C-alpha cells in the first residue's frame, strides 16, 4: 500500500471544526464587539468592504496548525500506523446552490501512513469489535431516510475496503477518525472539562479573536 498522502478533510476526520456559518467563528460573531463599541463603533456599511476570502484564509492557516498539533498528540505513531497529518490550510465551503443545510465548511488535510499501515489498521479495527467504536460505526453509517451512507457500517466492511484499497482516501480518513475516538479525543474530561475536540474549536476561535480585528480584513478603497 502506498504511503500517501491520502486526501481527506475535517468532515471525515474531525481534528478541528472550521464551520463559519452561524457559529462563534462566523465573522458576525467574531467581530460583533467592534460594532457594539460605545466609543468607536463600526458602521453596518463596513460589511460591504469586508474581505471574506482573506478571513477564510486566516481561519484556514490557524486551523491547519491546530489540526497538525492535535494529530501529533493523538494520531501519529506506531499504535495507529499513521506517519503524519498535514494541511495546507485550504477550506472547502458549500456552493451557493448547496447552502449550509447539507454540510458546513471543512479543512482539507493530508494523511501519510507507515509501511505497516494496512496490518496495523486491521488489527486495531478488529480489536474494537464489541465496543463503543463498533456501536458508533453502526449508528453513524447506516443509511436511513434523508441520509445515504457512502462507507460501510461495520468494522469488517472497513477492513475489506482497506485490504482492497477501495475508496482509500475516504477510508483512511474514516479510520483516522475512529483512532481519535479510541484515543479519547471526543471524550469530555472529569468535572465537565471540555473534550480535546471541543477545545480545538475553542482554541481556533481564541487565536482568531485575540490576534485579528475587523480592520485586518477590510478591502482597500479603489483609487
N, C-alpha and C. Protein backbone atom coordinates (compact mmCIF):
# COMPACT_ATOMS: atom_id res chain seq x y z
N UNK A 1 0.85 -1.20 0.00
CA UNK A 1 0.00 0.00 0.00
C UNK A 1 0.88 1.24 0.00
N UNK A 2 0.56 2.19 -0.86
CA UNK A 2 1.30 3.43 -0.95
C UNK A 2 1.18 4.21 0.37
N UNK A 3 2.21 5.00 0.70
CA UNK A 3 2.21 5.73 1.96
C UNK A 3 1.43 7.05 1.90
N UNK A 4 0.92 7.39 0.72
CA UNK A 4 0.14 8.62 0.63
C UNK A 4 0.98 9.80 0.17
N UNK A 5 0.53 11.02 0.42
CA UNK A 5 -0.56 11.35 1.35
C UNK A 5 -1.95 11.07 0.78
N UNK A 6 -2.86 10.71 1.67
CA UNK A 6 -4.25 10.47 1.31
C UNK A 6 -5.06 11.73 1.62
N UNK A 7 -5.87 12.13 0.65
CA UNK A 7 -6.60 13.39 0.74
C UNK A 7 -7.92 13.19 1.47
N UNK A 8 -8.09 13.90 2.56
CA UNK A 8 -9.35 13.84 3.28
C UNK A 8 -9.64 15.22 3.87
N UNK A 9 -10.53 15.30 4.81
CA UNK A 9 -10.91 16.61 5.35
C UNK A 9 -11.53 16.43 6.74
N UNK A 10 -11.80 17.56 7.38
CA UNK A 10 -12.30 17.51 8.75
C UNK A 10 -13.79 17.19 8.83
N UNK A 11 -14.43 17.01 7.68
CA UNK A 11 -15.78 16.46 7.71
C UNK A 11 -15.71 14.96 7.96
N UNK A 12 -14.61 14.34 7.53
CA UNK A 12 -14.40 12.91 7.73
C UNK A 12 -13.63 12.64 9.02
N UNK A 13 -12.57 13.38 9.23
CA UNK A 13 -11.71 13.24 10.41
C UNK A 13 -11.69 14.57 11.14
N UNK A 14 -12.45 14.68 12.20
CA UNK A 14 -12.77 15.99 12.80
C UNK A 14 -11.71 16.50 13.76
N UNK A 15 -10.55 16.81 13.23
CA UNK A 15 -9.47 17.33 14.07
C UNK A 15 -9.74 18.75 14.55
N UNK A 16 -10.55 19.49 13.83
CA UNK A 16 -10.94 20.83 14.24
C UNK A 16 -12.16 21.24 13.42
N UNK A 17 -13.06 21.98 14.03
CA UNK A 17 -14.27 22.42 13.35
C UNK A 17 -14.06 23.84 12.81
N UNK A 18 -14.18 23.99 11.49
CA UNK A 18 -13.97 25.31 10.89
C UNK A 18 -15.27 25.91 10.35
N UNK A 19 -16.39 25.41 10.82
CA UNK A 19 -17.68 25.95 10.37
C UNK A 19 -17.78 27.43 10.67
N UNK A 20 -18.07 28.23 9.64
CA UNK A 20 -18.11 29.69 9.80
C UNK A 20 -19.50 30.27 9.54
N UNK A 21 -20.51 29.43 9.57
CA UNK A 21 -21.88 29.93 9.37
C UNK A 21 -22.68 29.73 10.65
N UNK A 22 -23.14 30.84 11.23
CA UNK A 22 -23.96 30.80 12.44
C UNK A 22 -23.24 30.07 13.57
N UNK A 23 -21.94 30.34 13.72
CA UNK A 23 -21.13 29.77 14.79
C UNK A 23 -20.29 30.89 15.41
N UNK A 24 -19.64 30.64 16.56
CA UNK A 24 -18.76 31.68 17.13
C UNK A 24 -17.63 32.09 16.19
N UNK A 25 -17.33 31.26 15.18
CA UNK A 25 -16.27 31.57 14.23
C UNK A 25 -16.75 32.42 13.06
N UNK A 26 -18.04 32.61 12.92
CA UNK A 26 -18.54 33.44 11.82
C UNK A 26 -18.09 34.89 12.04
N UNK A 27 -17.78 35.61 10.98
CA UNK A 27 -17.29 36.99 11.15
C UNK A 27 -18.24 37.86 11.96
N UNK A 28 -19.55 37.67 11.76
CA UNK A 28 -20.52 38.48 12.50
C UNK A 28 -20.42 38.29 14.00
N UNK A 29 -20.16 37.06 14.43
CA UNK A 29 -19.98 36.77 15.85
C UNK A 29 -18.60 37.20 16.33
N UNK A 30 -17.59 36.91 15.53
CA UNK A 30 -16.21 37.16 15.94
C UNK A 30 -15.95 38.65 16.17
N UNK A 31 -16.53 39.51 15.33
CA UNK A 31 -16.22 40.94 15.41
C UNK A 31 -17.40 41.78 15.87
N UNK A 32 -18.39 41.14 16.46
CA UNK A 32 -19.58 41.86 16.92
C UNK A 32 -19.22 42.95 17.92
N UNK A 33 -18.22 42.67 18.76
CA UNK A 33 -17.85 43.64 19.80
C UNK A 33 -17.39 44.96 19.20
N UNK A 34 -16.82 44.93 18.00
CA UNK A 34 -16.35 46.17 17.39
C UNK A 34 -17.52 47.04 16.94
N UNK A 35 -18.64 46.42 16.63
CA UNK A 35 -19.82 47.19 16.25
C UNK A 35 -20.58 47.69 17.48
N UNK A 36 -20.35 47.03 18.63
CA UNK A 36 -21.01 47.43 19.87
C UNK A 36 -20.16 48.38 20.71
N UNK A 37 -18.97 48.68 20.25
CA UNK A 37 -18.07 49.58 20.98
C UNK A 37 -18.70 50.96 21.10
N UNK A 38 -18.99 51.37 22.32
CA UNK A 38 -19.70 52.64 22.53
C UNK A 38 -18.86 53.84 22.12
N UNK A 39 -17.55 53.75 22.26
CA UNK A 39 -16.70 54.90 21.96
C UNK A 39 -16.41 55.04 20.47
N UNK A 40 -16.24 53.92 19.78
CA UNK A 40 -15.87 53.99 18.36
C UNK A 40 -16.49 52.81 17.59
N UNK A 41 -17.80 52.79 17.51
CA UNK A 41 -18.46 51.65 16.86
C UNK A 41 -18.27 51.66 15.34
N UNK A 42 -18.22 50.49 14.76
CA UNK A 42 -18.18 50.38 13.31
C UNK A 42 -19.58 50.53 12.75
N UNK A 43 -19.64 50.89 11.47
CA UNK A 43 -20.92 51.06 10.80
C UNK A 43 -21.30 49.76 10.08
N UNK A 44 -22.60 49.51 9.97
CA UNK A 44 -23.05 48.32 9.25
C UNK A 44 -22.55 48.30 7.81
N UNK A 45 -22.36 49.48 7.26
CA UNK A 45 -21.89 49.58 5.87
C UNK A 45 -20.46 49.05 5.71
N UNK A 46 -19.73 48.91 6.83
CA UNK A 46 -18.37 48.39 6.75
C UNK A 46 -18.35 46.96 6.22
N UNK A 47 -19.46 46.25 6.37
CA UNK A 47 -19.51 44.88 5.87
C UNK A 47 -19.37 44.83 4.36
N UNK A 48 -19.70 45.91 3.68
CA UNK A 48 -19.53 45.94 2.23
C UNK A 48 -18.06 45.87 1.83
N UNK A 49 -17.18 46.21 2.75
CA UNK A 49 -15.74 46.21 2.46
C UNK A 49 -15.02 45.02 3.09
N UNK A 50 -15.78 44.13 3.72
CA UNK A 50 -15.15 43.01 4.40
C UNK A 50 -14.68 41.96 3.40
N UNK A 51 -13.41 41.57 3.50
CA UNK A 51 -12.81 40.59 2.59
C UNK A 51 -12.97 39.20 3.21
N UNK A 52 -14.09 38.56 2.87
CA UNK A 52 -14.38 37.25 3.46
C UNK A 52 -13.34 36.22 3.04
N UNK A 53 -12.83 36.30 1.82
CA UNK A 53 -11.82 35.35 1.35
C UNK A 53 -10.55 35.43 2.20
N UNK A 54 -10.15 36.65 2.57
CA UNK A 54 -8.96 36.82 3.41
C UNK A 54 -9.21 36.25 4.80
N UNK A 55 -10.41 36.47 5.32
CA UNK A 55 -10.77 35.92 6.62
C UNK A 55 -10.72 34.39 6.58
N UNK A 56 -11.26 33.83 5.54
CA UNK A 56 -11.27 32.37 5.38
C UNK A 56 -9.85 31.82 5.32
N UNK A 57 -8.96 32.52 4.63
CA UNK A 57 -7.56 32.08 4.57
C UNK A 57 -6.91 32.09 5.95
N UNK A 58 -7.20 33.13 6.72
CA UNK A 58 -6.64 33.23 8.07
C UNK A 58 -7.15 32.10 8.95
N UNK A 59 -8.45 31.83 8.89
CA UNK A 59 -9.02 30.72 9.65
C UNK A 59 -8.35 29.41 9.25
N UNK A 60 -8.15 29.22 7.95
CA UNK A 60 -7.52 28.00 7.47
C UNK A 60 -6.10 27.84 7.98
N UNK A 61 -5.34 28.93 8.00
CA UNK A 61 -3.95 28.87 8.47
C UNK A 61 -3.89 28.45 9.94
N UNK A 62 -4.75 29.07 10.76
CA UNK A 62 -4.74 28.74 12.19
C UNK A 62 -5.29 27.34 12.43
N UNK A 63 -6.33 26.97 11.68
CA UNK A 63 -6.91 25.64 11.84
C UNK A 63 -5.92 24.55 11.46
N UNK A 64 -5.12 24.81 10.42
CA UNK A 64 -4.12 23.83 10.00
C UNK A 64 -3.11 23.58 11.11
N UNK A 65 -2.68 24.64 11.78
CA UNK A 65 -1.72 24.47 12.87
C UNK A 65 -2.32 23.63 14.00
N UNK A 66 -3.57 23.90 14.34
CA UNK A 66 -4.22 23.16 15.42
C UNK A 66 -4.41 21.69 15.03
N UNK A 67 -4.85 21.47 13.80
CA UNK A 67 -5.05 20.10 13.34
C UNK A 67 -3.75 19.31 13.38
N UNK A 68 -2.68 19.91 12.94
CA UNK A 68 -1.38 19.22 12.93
C UNK A 68 -0.88 18.97 14.35
N UNK A 69 -1.06 19.94 15.24
CA UNK A 69 -0.65 19.78 16.63
C UNK A 69 -1.40 18.62 17.29
N UNK A 70 -2.71 18.58 17.10
CA UNK A 70 -3.51 17.55 17.74
C UNK A 70 -3.28 16.18 17.11
N UNK A 71 -3.02 16.16 15.82
CA UNK A 71 -2.71 14.89 15.16
C UNK A 71 -1.43 14.29 15.73
N UNK A 72 -0.42 15.13 15.96
CA UNK A 72 0.83 14.63 16.53
C UNK A 72 0.60 14.02 17.90
N UNK A 73 -0.32 14.60 18.66
CA UNK A 73 -0.56 14.11 20.02
C UNK A 73 -1.44 12.86 20.04
N UNK A 74 -2.43 12.79 19.16
CA UNK A 74 -3.43 11.73 19.26
C UNK A 74 -3.35 10.65 18.17
N UNK A 75 -2.72 10.94 17.05
CA UNK A 75 -2.77 10.00 15.92
C UNK A 75 -1.43 9.44 15.48
N UNK A 76 -0.45 10.30 15.38
CA UNK A 76 0.81 9.91 14.74
C UNK A 76 1.62 8.97 15.63
N UNK A 77 2.11 7.89 15.04
CA UNK A 77 2.95 6.95 15.78
C UNK A 77 2.68 5.52 15.40
N UNK A 78 3.30 4.61 16.13
CA UNK A 78 3.20 3.20 15.81
C UNK A 78 1.81 2.63 16.06
N UNK A 79 1.12 3.11 17.10
CA UNK A 79 -0.14 2.48 17.51
C UNK A 79 -1.15 2.42 16.39
N UNK A 80 -1.28 3.50 15.62
CA UNK A 80 -2.32 3.56 14.58
C UNK A 80 -1.77 3.43 13.17
N UNK A 81 -0.45 3.38 13.02
CA UNK A 81 0.12 3.23 11.69
C UNK A 81 0.11 4.50 10.87
N UNK A 82 -0.07 5.66 11.51
CA UNK A 82 -0.14 6.94 10.82
C UNK A 82 1.18 7.69 11.01
N UNK A 83 1.78 8.11 9.91
CA UNK A 83 3.11 8.74 9.96
C UNK A 83 3.04 10.25 10.12
N UNK A 84 2.06 10.90 9.49
CA UNK A 84 1.97 12.36 9.56
C UNK A 84 0.60 12.82 9.12
N UNK A 85 0.20 13.95 9.66
CA UNK A 85 -1.03 14.62 9.22
C UNK A 85 -0.68 16.08 8.99
N UNK A 86 -0.95 16.57 7.79
CA UNK A 86 -0.62 17.95 7.44
C UNK A 86 -1.82 18.60 6.75
N UNK A 87 -1.76 19.92 6.66
CA UNK A 87 -2.82 20.66 5.97
C UNK A 87 -2.23 21.90 5.34
N UNK A 88 -2.72 22.24 4.15
CA UNK A 88 -2.28 23.47 3.50
C UNK A 88 -3.16 24.66 3.89
N UNK A 89 -4.12 24.42 4.80
CA UNK A 89 -4.99 25.50 5.26
C UNK A 89 -6.17 25.77 4.36
N UNK A 90 -6.33 24.98 3.31
CA UNK A 90 -7.46 25.19 2.41
C UNK A 90 -8.78 24.77 3.03
N UNK A 91 -9.77 25.63 2.91
CA UNK A 91 -11.11 25.34 3.44
C UNK A 91 -12.09 25.23 2.28
N UNK A 92 -12.85 24.17 2.27
CA UNK A 92 -13.89 23.96 1.26
C UNK A 92 -15.23 24.35 1.88
N UNK A 93 -16.00 25.15 1.16
CA UNK A 93 -17.29 25.61 1.66
C UNK A 93 -18.40 25.17 0.71
N UNK A 94 -19.63 25.08 1.22
CA UNK A 94 -20.75 24.71 0.34
C UNK A 94 -20.89 25.68 -0.82
N UNK A 95 -21.24 25.15 -1.97
CA UNK A 95 -21.52 26.01 -3.12
C UNK A 95 -22.84 26.73 -2.87
N UNK A 96 -23.04 27.86 -3.54
CA UNK A 96 -24.26 28.65 -3.29
C UNK A 96 -25.55 27.84 -3.40
N UNK A 97 -25.61 26.92 -4.38
CA UNK A 97 -26.85 26.17 -4.56
C UNK A 97 -27.00 25.05 -3.53
N UNK A 98 -25.89 24.70 -2.83
CA UNK A 98 -25.96 23.68 -1.79
C UNK A 98 -26.49 24.27 -0.49
N UNK A 99 -25.93 25.40 -0.13
CA UNK A 99 -26.30 26.01 1.14
C UNK A 99 -25.74 25.24 2.32
N UNK A 100 -25.90 25.82 3.51
CA UNK A 100 -25.38 25.19 4.72
C UNK A 100 -26.38 24.22 5.35
N UNK A 101 -27.48 23.93 4.66
CA UNK A 101 -28.43 22.95 5.18
C UNK A 101 -27.89 21.53 5.06
N UNK A 102 -26.96 21.30 4.12
CA UNK A 102 -26.49 19.96 3.84
C UNK A 102 -25.10 19.68 4.41
N UNK A 103 -24.23 20.67 4.46
CA UNK A 103 -22.91 20.48 5.05
C UNK A 103 -22.32 21.82 5.43
N UNK A 104 -21.24 21.78 6.16
CA UNK A 104 -20.60 23.01 6.61
C UNK A 104 -19.22 23.15 5.96
N UNK A 105 -18.47 24.15 6.38
CA UNK A 105 -17.11 24.33 5.90
C UNK A 105 -16.23 23.22 6.47
N UNK A 106 -15.23 22.80 5.72
CA UNK A 106 -14.28 21.84 6.28
C UNK A 106 -12.88 22.11 5.77
N UNK A 107 -11.90 21.73 6.60
CA UNK A 107 -10.48 21.93 6.32
C UNK A 107 -9.94 20.70 5.59
N UNK A 108 -9.18 20.94 4.52
CA UNK A 108 -8.54 19.84 3.80
C UNK A 108 -7.30 19.37 4.56
N UNK A 109 -7.16 18.07 4.72
CA UNK A 109 -6.00 17.52 5.41
C UNK A 109 -5.43 16.35 4.62
N UNK A 110 -4.13 16.13 4.76
CA UNK A 110 -3.43 15.02 4.13
C UNK A 110 -2.92 14.08 5.21
N UNK A 111 -3.08 12.78 4.98
CA UNK A 111 -2.62 11.77 5.93
C UNK A 111 -1.59 10.88 5.25
N UNK A 112 -0.41 10.80 5.83
CA UNK A 112 0.61 9.86 5.37
C UNK A 112 0.64 8.68 6.33
N UNK A 113 0.83 7.47 5.79
CA UNK A 113 0.80 6.28 6.63
C UNK A 113 2.15 5.59 6.65
N UNK A 114 2.33 4.73 7.64
CA UNK A 114 3.56 3.96 7.79
C UNK A 114 3.53 2.73 6.88
N UNK A 115 4.69 2.12 6.73
CA UNK A 115 4.77 0.94 5.88
C UNK A 115 3.93 -0.22 6.36
N UNK A 116 3.68 -0.28 7.67
CA UNK A 116 2.89 -1.36 8.24
C UNK A 116 1.43 -0.94 8.45
N UNK A 117 1.00 0.11 7.73
CA UNK A 117 -0.33 0.66 7.99
C UNK A 117 -1.44 -0.37 7.84
N UNK A 118 -1.45 -1.08 6.74
CA UNK A 118 -2.56 -1.98 6.47
C UNK A 118 -2.73 -3.01 7.59
N UNK A 119 -1.62 -3.64 7.98
CA UNK A 119 -1.68 -4.64 9.04
C UNK A 119 -2.11 -4.02 10.38
N UNK A 120 -1.54 -2.85 10.68
CA UNK A 120 -1.86 -2.17 11.94
C UNK A 120 -3.32 -1.75 11.99
N UNK A 121 -3.81 -1.20 10.90
CA UNK A 121 -5.20 -0.75 10.86
C UNK A 121 -6.16 -1.92 11.05
N UNK A 122 -5.89 -3.03 10.41
CA UNK A 122 -6.79 -4.19 10.52
C UNK A 122 -6.79 -4.74 11.95
N UNK A 123 -5.62 -4.80 12.57
CA UNK A 123 -5.55 -5.26 13.96
C UNK A 123 -6.37 -4.35 14.87
N UNK A 124 -6.23 -3.03 14.69
CA UNK A 124 -6.98 -2.08 15.52
C UNK A 124 -8.47 -2.20 15.29
N UNK A 125 -8.88 -2.26 14.03
CA UNK A 125 -10.31 -2.34 13.72
C UNK A 125 -10.94 -3.58 14.35
N UNK A 126 -10.27 -4.71 14.27
CA UNK A 126 -10.82 -5.93 14.83
C UNK A 126 -10.81 -5.91 16.37
N UNK A 127 -9.88 -5.15 16.95
CA UNK A 127 -9.84 -5.05 18.41
C UNK A 127 -11.00 -4.22 18.96
N UNK A 128 -11.64 -3.44 18.09
CA UNK A 128 -12.74 -2.59 18.53
C UNK A 128 -14.10 -3.29 18.47
N UNK A 129 -14.12 -4.53 18.03
CA UNK A 129 -15.38 -5.25 17.97
C UNK A 129 -15.97 -5.43 19.37
N UNK A 130 -17.28 -5.24 19.45
CA UNK A 130 -17.97 -5.41 20.71
C UNK A 130 -17.91 -4.19 21.62
N UNK A 131 -17.30 -3.11 21.14
CA UNK A 131 -17.15 -1.93 21.98
C UNK A 131 -17.89 -0.71 21.43
N UNK A 132 -17.57 0.44 21.98
CA UNK A 132 -18.25 1.68 21.63
C UNK A 132 -17.97 2.11 20.19
N UNK A 133 -16.79 1.83 19.70
CA UNK A 133 -16.47 2.24 18.33
C UNK A 133 -17.30 1.45 17.33
N UNK A 134 -17.45 0.16 17.55
CA UNK A 134 -18.29 -0.63 16.66
C UNK A 134 -19.73 -0.12 16.69
N UNK A 135 -20.20 0.22 17.87
CA UNK A 135 -21.56 0.76 18.01
C UNK A 135 -21.68 2.08 17.26
N UNK A 136 -20.67 2.92 17.38
CA UNK A 136 -20.68 4.20 16.69
C UNK A 136 -20.74 4.01 15.18
N UNK A 137 -19.92 3.12 14.64
CA UNK A 137 -19.88 2.87 13.19
C UNK A 137 -21.26 2.44 12.70
N UNK A 138 -21.90 1.56 13.45
CA UNK A 138 -23.23 1.07 13.05
C UNK A 138 -24.25 2.21 13.04
N UNK A 139 -24.23 3.02 14.07
CA UNK A 139 -25.21 4.11 14.18
C UNK A 139 -24.93 5.23 13.19
N UNK A 140 -23.67 5.55 12.98
CA UNK A 140 -23.31 6.72 12.16
C UNK A 140 -23.39 6.44 10.67
N UNK A 141 -23.16 5.19 10.26
CA UNK A 141 -23.01 4.92 8.83
C UNK A 141 -24.04 3.94 8.26
N UNK A 142 -25.17 3.84 8.93
CA UNK A 142 -26.27 3.06 8.38
C UNK A 142 -27.21 4.02 7.63
N UNK A 143 -27.48 3.73 6.38
CA UNK A 143 -28.36 4.59 5.58
C UNK A 143 -29.76 4.61 6.19
N UNK A 144 -30.42 5.74 6.06
CA UNK A 144 -31.78 5.90 6.58
C UNK A 144 -32.46 7.00 5.78
N UNK A 145 -33.72 7.27 6.08
CA UNK A 145 -34.45 8.31 5.37
C UNK A 145 -33.70 9.64 5.47
N UNK A 146 -33.38 10.22 4.33
CA UNK A 146 -32.70 11.50 4.30
C UNK A 146 -31.19 11.40 4.39
N UNK A 147 -30.65 10.19 4.51
CA UNK A 147 -29.20 10.03 4.62
C UNK A 147 -28.77 8.75 3.92
N UNK A 148 -27.86 8.90 2.98
CA UNK A 148 -27.28 7.75 2.29
C UNK A 148 -25.81 7.65 2.66
N UNK A 149 -25.44 6.54 3.30
CA UNK A 149 -24.06 6.35 3.71
C UNK A 149 -23.21 5.90 2.53
N UNK A 150 -22.00 6.45 2.46
CA UNK A 150 -21.07 6.08 1.39
C UNK A 150 -19.92 5.24 1.92
N UNK A 151 -20.00 4.85 3.18
CA UNK A 151 -18.96 4.00 3.77
C UNK A 151 -19.64 2.84 4.49
N UNK A 152 -18.91 1.75 4.74
CA UNK A 152 -19.50 0.59 5.41
C UNK A 152 -19.96 0.93 6.83
N UNK A 153 -20.98 0.21 7.28
CA UNK A 153 -21.46 0.42 8.65
C UNK A 153 -21.03 -0.70 9.58
N UNK A 154 -19.98 -1.45 9.18
CA UNK A 154 -19.40 -2.48 10.04
C UNK A 154 -17.89 -2.36 10.01
N UNK A 155 -17.24 -2.80 11.06
CA UNK A 155 -15.78 -2.81 11.10
C UNK A 155 -15.21 -3.75 10.05
N UNK A 156 -15.91 -4.87 9.84
CA UNK A 156 -15.45 -5.81 8.83
C UNK A 156 -15.49 -5.19 7.44
N UNK A 157 -16.52 -4.39 7.19
CA UNK A 157 -16.63 -3.72 5.89
C UNK A 157 -15.51 -2.73 5.66
N UNK A 158 -15.09 -2.04 6.73
CA UNK A 158 -13.98 -1.10 6.62
C UNK A 158 -12.68 -1.86 6.37
N UNK A 159 -12.52 -3.00 7.02
CA UNK A 159 -11.34 -3.84 6.79
C UNK A 159 -11.23 -4.24 5.32
N UNK A 160 -12.36 -4.65 4.74
CA UNK A 160 -12.37 -5.04 3.32
C UNK A 160 -11.93 -3.88 2.45
N UNK A 161 -12.43 -2.70 2.74
CA UNK A 161 -12.06 -1.51 1.96
C UNK A 161 -10.55 -1.26 2.04
N UNK A 162 -9.98 -1.43 3.23
CA UNK A 162 -8.54 -1.21 3.40
C UNK A 162 -7.74 -2.29 2.66
N UNK A 163 -8.19 -3.53 2.77
CA UNK A 163 -7.47 -4.62 2.11
C UNK A 163 -7.47 -4.44 0.59
N UNK A 164 -8.62 -4.01 0.06
CA UNK A 164 -8.75 -3.86 -1.39
C UNK A 164 -8.35 -2.46 -1.86
N UNK A 165 -8.06 -1.57 -0.91
CA UNK A 165 -7.71 -0.18 -1.19
C UNK A 165 -8.78 0.49 -2.05
N UNK A 166 -10.00 0.26 -1.65
CA UNK A 166 -11.17 0.79 -2.35
C UNK A 166 -11.63 2.08 -1.67
N UNK A 167 -11.79 3.16 -2.47
CA UNK A 167 -12.18 4.46 -1.91
C UNK A 167 -11.23 4.82 -0.77
N UNK A 168 -9.94 4.59 -1.00
CA UNK A 168 -8.97 4.56 0.09
C UNK A 168 -8.74 5.92 0.75
N UNK A 169 -8.84 7.02 0.01
CA UNK A 169 -8.69 8.34 0.65
C UNK A 169 -9.73 8.53 1.74
N UNK A 170 -10.97 8.26 1.39
CA UNK A 170 -12.06 8.42 2.37
C UNK A 170 -11.89 7.44 3.53
N UNK A 171 -11.50 6.20 3.21
CA UNK A 171 -11.41 5.17 4.24
C UNK A 171 -10.26 5.45 5.21
N UNK A 172 -9.12 5.96 4.71
CA UNK A 172 -8.03 6.32 5.60
C UNK A 172 -8.47 7.45 6.53
N UNK A 173 -9.22 8.42 5.99
CA UNK A 173 -9.74 9.49 6.83
C UNK A 173 -10.70 8.98 7.88
N UNK A 174 -11.59 8.08 7.48
CA UNK A 174 -12.55 7.49 8.42
C UNK A 174 -11.81 6.70 9.50
N UNK A 175 -10.84 5.89 9.09
CA UNK A 175 -10.06 5.13 10.07
C UNK A 175 -9.38 6.07 11.06
N UNK A 176 -8.79 7.17 10.56
CA UNK A 176 -8.14 8.13 11.45
C UNK A 176 -9.12 8.71 12.46
N UNK A 177 -10.34 8.95 12.03
CA UNK A 177 -11.35 9.49 12.95
C UNK A 177 -11.70 8.46 14.02
N UNK A 178 -11.77 7.18 13.64
CA UNK A 178 -12.03 6.13 14.62
C UNK A 178 -10.87 6.02 15.61
N UNK A 179 -9.65 6.26 15.12
CA UNK A 179 -8.50 6.28 16.01
C UNK A 179 -8.61 7.42 17.03
N UNK A 180 -9.10 8.57 16.58
CA UNK A 180 -9.31 9.68 17.51
C UNK A 180 -10.29 9.29 18.60
N UNK A 181 -11.32 8.56 18.22
CA UNK A 181 -12.29 8.09 19.21
C UNK A 181 -11.64 7.12 20.18
N UNK A 182 -10.82 6.23 19.67
CA UNK A 182 -10.11 5.28 20.52
C UNK A 182 -9.17 6.01 21.48
N UNK A 183 -8.58 7.11 21.01
CA UNK A 183 -7.62 7.86 21.83
C UNK A 183 -8.30 8.81 22.81
N UNK A 184 -9.64 8.86 22.80
CA UNK A 184 -10.36 9.72 23.74
C UNK A 184 -10.49 11.16 23.31
N UNK A 185 -10.27 11.43 22.03
CA UNK A 185 -10.29 12.81 21.53
C UNK A 185 -11.66 13.47 21.69
N UNK A 186 -12.71 12.67 21.65
CA UNK A 186 -14.06 13.23 21.74
C UNK A 186 -14.65 13.11 23.14
N UNK A 187 -13.89 12.58 24.08
CA UNK A 187 -14.40 12.36 25.43
C UNK A 187 -14.27 13.61 26.28
N UNK A 188 -15.33 13.95 26.99
CA UNK A 188 -15.25 15.04 27.95
C UNK A 188 -14.47 14.58 29.17
N UNK A 189 -13.73 15.50 29.78
CA UNK A 189 -12.95 15.17 30.96
C UNK A 189 -13.80 15.15 32.20
N UNK A 190 -13.18 14.84 33.32
CA UNK A 190 -13.90 14.84 34.59
C UNK A 190 -14.26 16.27 34.97
N UNK A 191 -15.27 16.40 35.80
CA UNK A 191 -15.73 17.70 36.28
C UNK A 191 -16.15 18.62 35.14
N UNK A 192 -16.67 18.01 34.05
CA UNK A 192 -17.21 18.82 32.97
C UNK A 192 -16.18 19.47 32.08
N UNK A 193 -14.93 19.00 32.14
CA UNK A 193 -13.90 19.58 31.28
C UNK A 193 -14.22 19.31 29.81
N UNK A 194 -13.82 20.23 28.95
CA UNK A 194 -14.07 20.10 27.53
C UNK A 194 -13.32 18.91 26.95
N UNK A 195 -13.92 18.27 25.94
CA UNK A 195 -13.18 17.25 25.21
C UNK A 195 -12.08 17.93 24.41
N UNK A 196 -11.01 17.20 24.05
CA UNK A 196 -9.98 17.80 23.20
C UNK A 196 -10.54 18.33 21.88
N UNK A 197 -11.57 17.65 21.33
CA UNK A 197 -12.17 18.11 20.08
C UNK A 197 -12.84 19.47 20.27
N UNK A 198 -13.59 19.62 21.36
CA UNK A 198 -14.23 20.91 21.63
C UNK A 198 -13.20 21.98 21.93
N UNK A 199 -12.15 21.59 22.65
CA UNK A 199 -11.10 22.54 22.98
C UNK A 199 -10.39 23.04 21.73
N UNK A 200 -10.25 22.16 20.73
CA UNK A 200 -9.60 22.57 19.48
C UNK A 200 -10.37 23.70 18.83
N UNK A 201 -11.70 23.59 18.83
CA UNK A 201 -12.53 24.63 18.23
C UNK A 201 -12.46 25.92 19.04
N UNK A 202 -12.46 25.79 20.36
CA UNK A 202 -12.32 26.97 21.22
C UNK A 202 -10.98 27.64 21.01
N UNK A 203 -9.92 26.83 20.86
CA UNK A 203 -8.59 27.39 20.62
C UNK A 203 -8.56 28.16 19.30
N UNK A 204 -9.23 27.62 18.28
CA UNK A 204 -9.26 28.29 16.98
C UNK A 204 -9.94 29.65 17.10
N UNK A 205 -11.09 29.67 17.77
CA UNK A 205 -11.80 30.94 17.94
C UNK A 205 -10.95 31.94 18.72
N UNK A 206 -10.24 31.45 19.73
CA UNK A 206 -9.40 32.33 20.54
C UNK A 206 -8.25 32.90 19.72
N UNK A 207 -7.63 32.07 18.91
CA UNK A 207 -6.50 32.55 18.10
C UNK A 207 -6.94 33.61 17.11
N UNK A 208 -8.12 33.40 16.52
CA UNK A 208 -8.62 34.40 15.57
C UNK A 208 -9.05 35.66 16.31
N UNK A 209 -9.79 35.50 17.40
CA UNK A 209 -10.31 36.65 18.13
C UNK A 209 -9.24 37.49 18.79
N UNK A 210 -8.18 36.84 19.28
CA UNK A 210 -7.14 37.57 20.00
C UNK A 210 -6.09 38.19 19.08
N UNK A 211 -5.95 37.64 17.90
CA UNK A 211 -4.86 38.06 17.03
C UNK A 211 -5.28 38.82 15.79
N UNK A 212 -6.59 39.02 15.61
CA UNK A 212 -7.06 39.76 14.44
C UNK A 212 -8.16 40.74 14.85
N UNK A 213 -8.47 41.63 13.96
CA UNK A 213 -9.59 42.55 14.15
C UNK A 213 -10.30 42.72 12.82
N UNK A 214 -11.46 43.31 12.87
CA UNK A 214 -12.24 43.54 11.65
C UNK A 214 -11.41 44.29 10.61
N UNK A 215 -10.65 45.25 11.06
CA UNK A 215 -9.87 46.07 10.14
C UNK A 215 -8.82 45.30 9.35
N UNK A 216 -8.39 44.15 9.88
CA UNK A 216 -7.41 43.34 9.17
C UNK A 216 -7.96 42.77 7.86
N UNK A 217 -9.28 42.76 7.74
CA UNK A 217 -9.92 42.14 6.58
C UNK A 217 -10.75 43.13 5.76
N UNK A 218 -10.41 44.40 5.91
CA UNK A 218 -11.10 45.42 5.13
C UNK A 218 -10.46 45.56 3.76
N UNK A 219 -11.25 45.53 2.73
CA UNK A 219 -10.76 45.76 1.37
C UNK A 219 -10.30 47.21 1.22
N UNK A 220 -9.23 47.40 0.51
CA UNK A 220 -8.75 48.75 0.27
C UNK A 220 -9.63 49.44 -0.77
N UNK A 221 -9.86 50.73 -0.54
CA UNK A 221 -10.67 51.51 -1.49
C UNK A 221 -9.93 51.62 -2.82
N UNK A 222 -10.66 51.43 -3.90
CA UNK A 222 -10.07 51.58 -5.22
C UNK A 222 -9.85 53.06 -5.51
N UNK A 223 -8.70 53.36 -6.11
CA UNK A 223 -8.40 54.76 -6.42
C UNK A 223 -9.07 55.16 -7.73
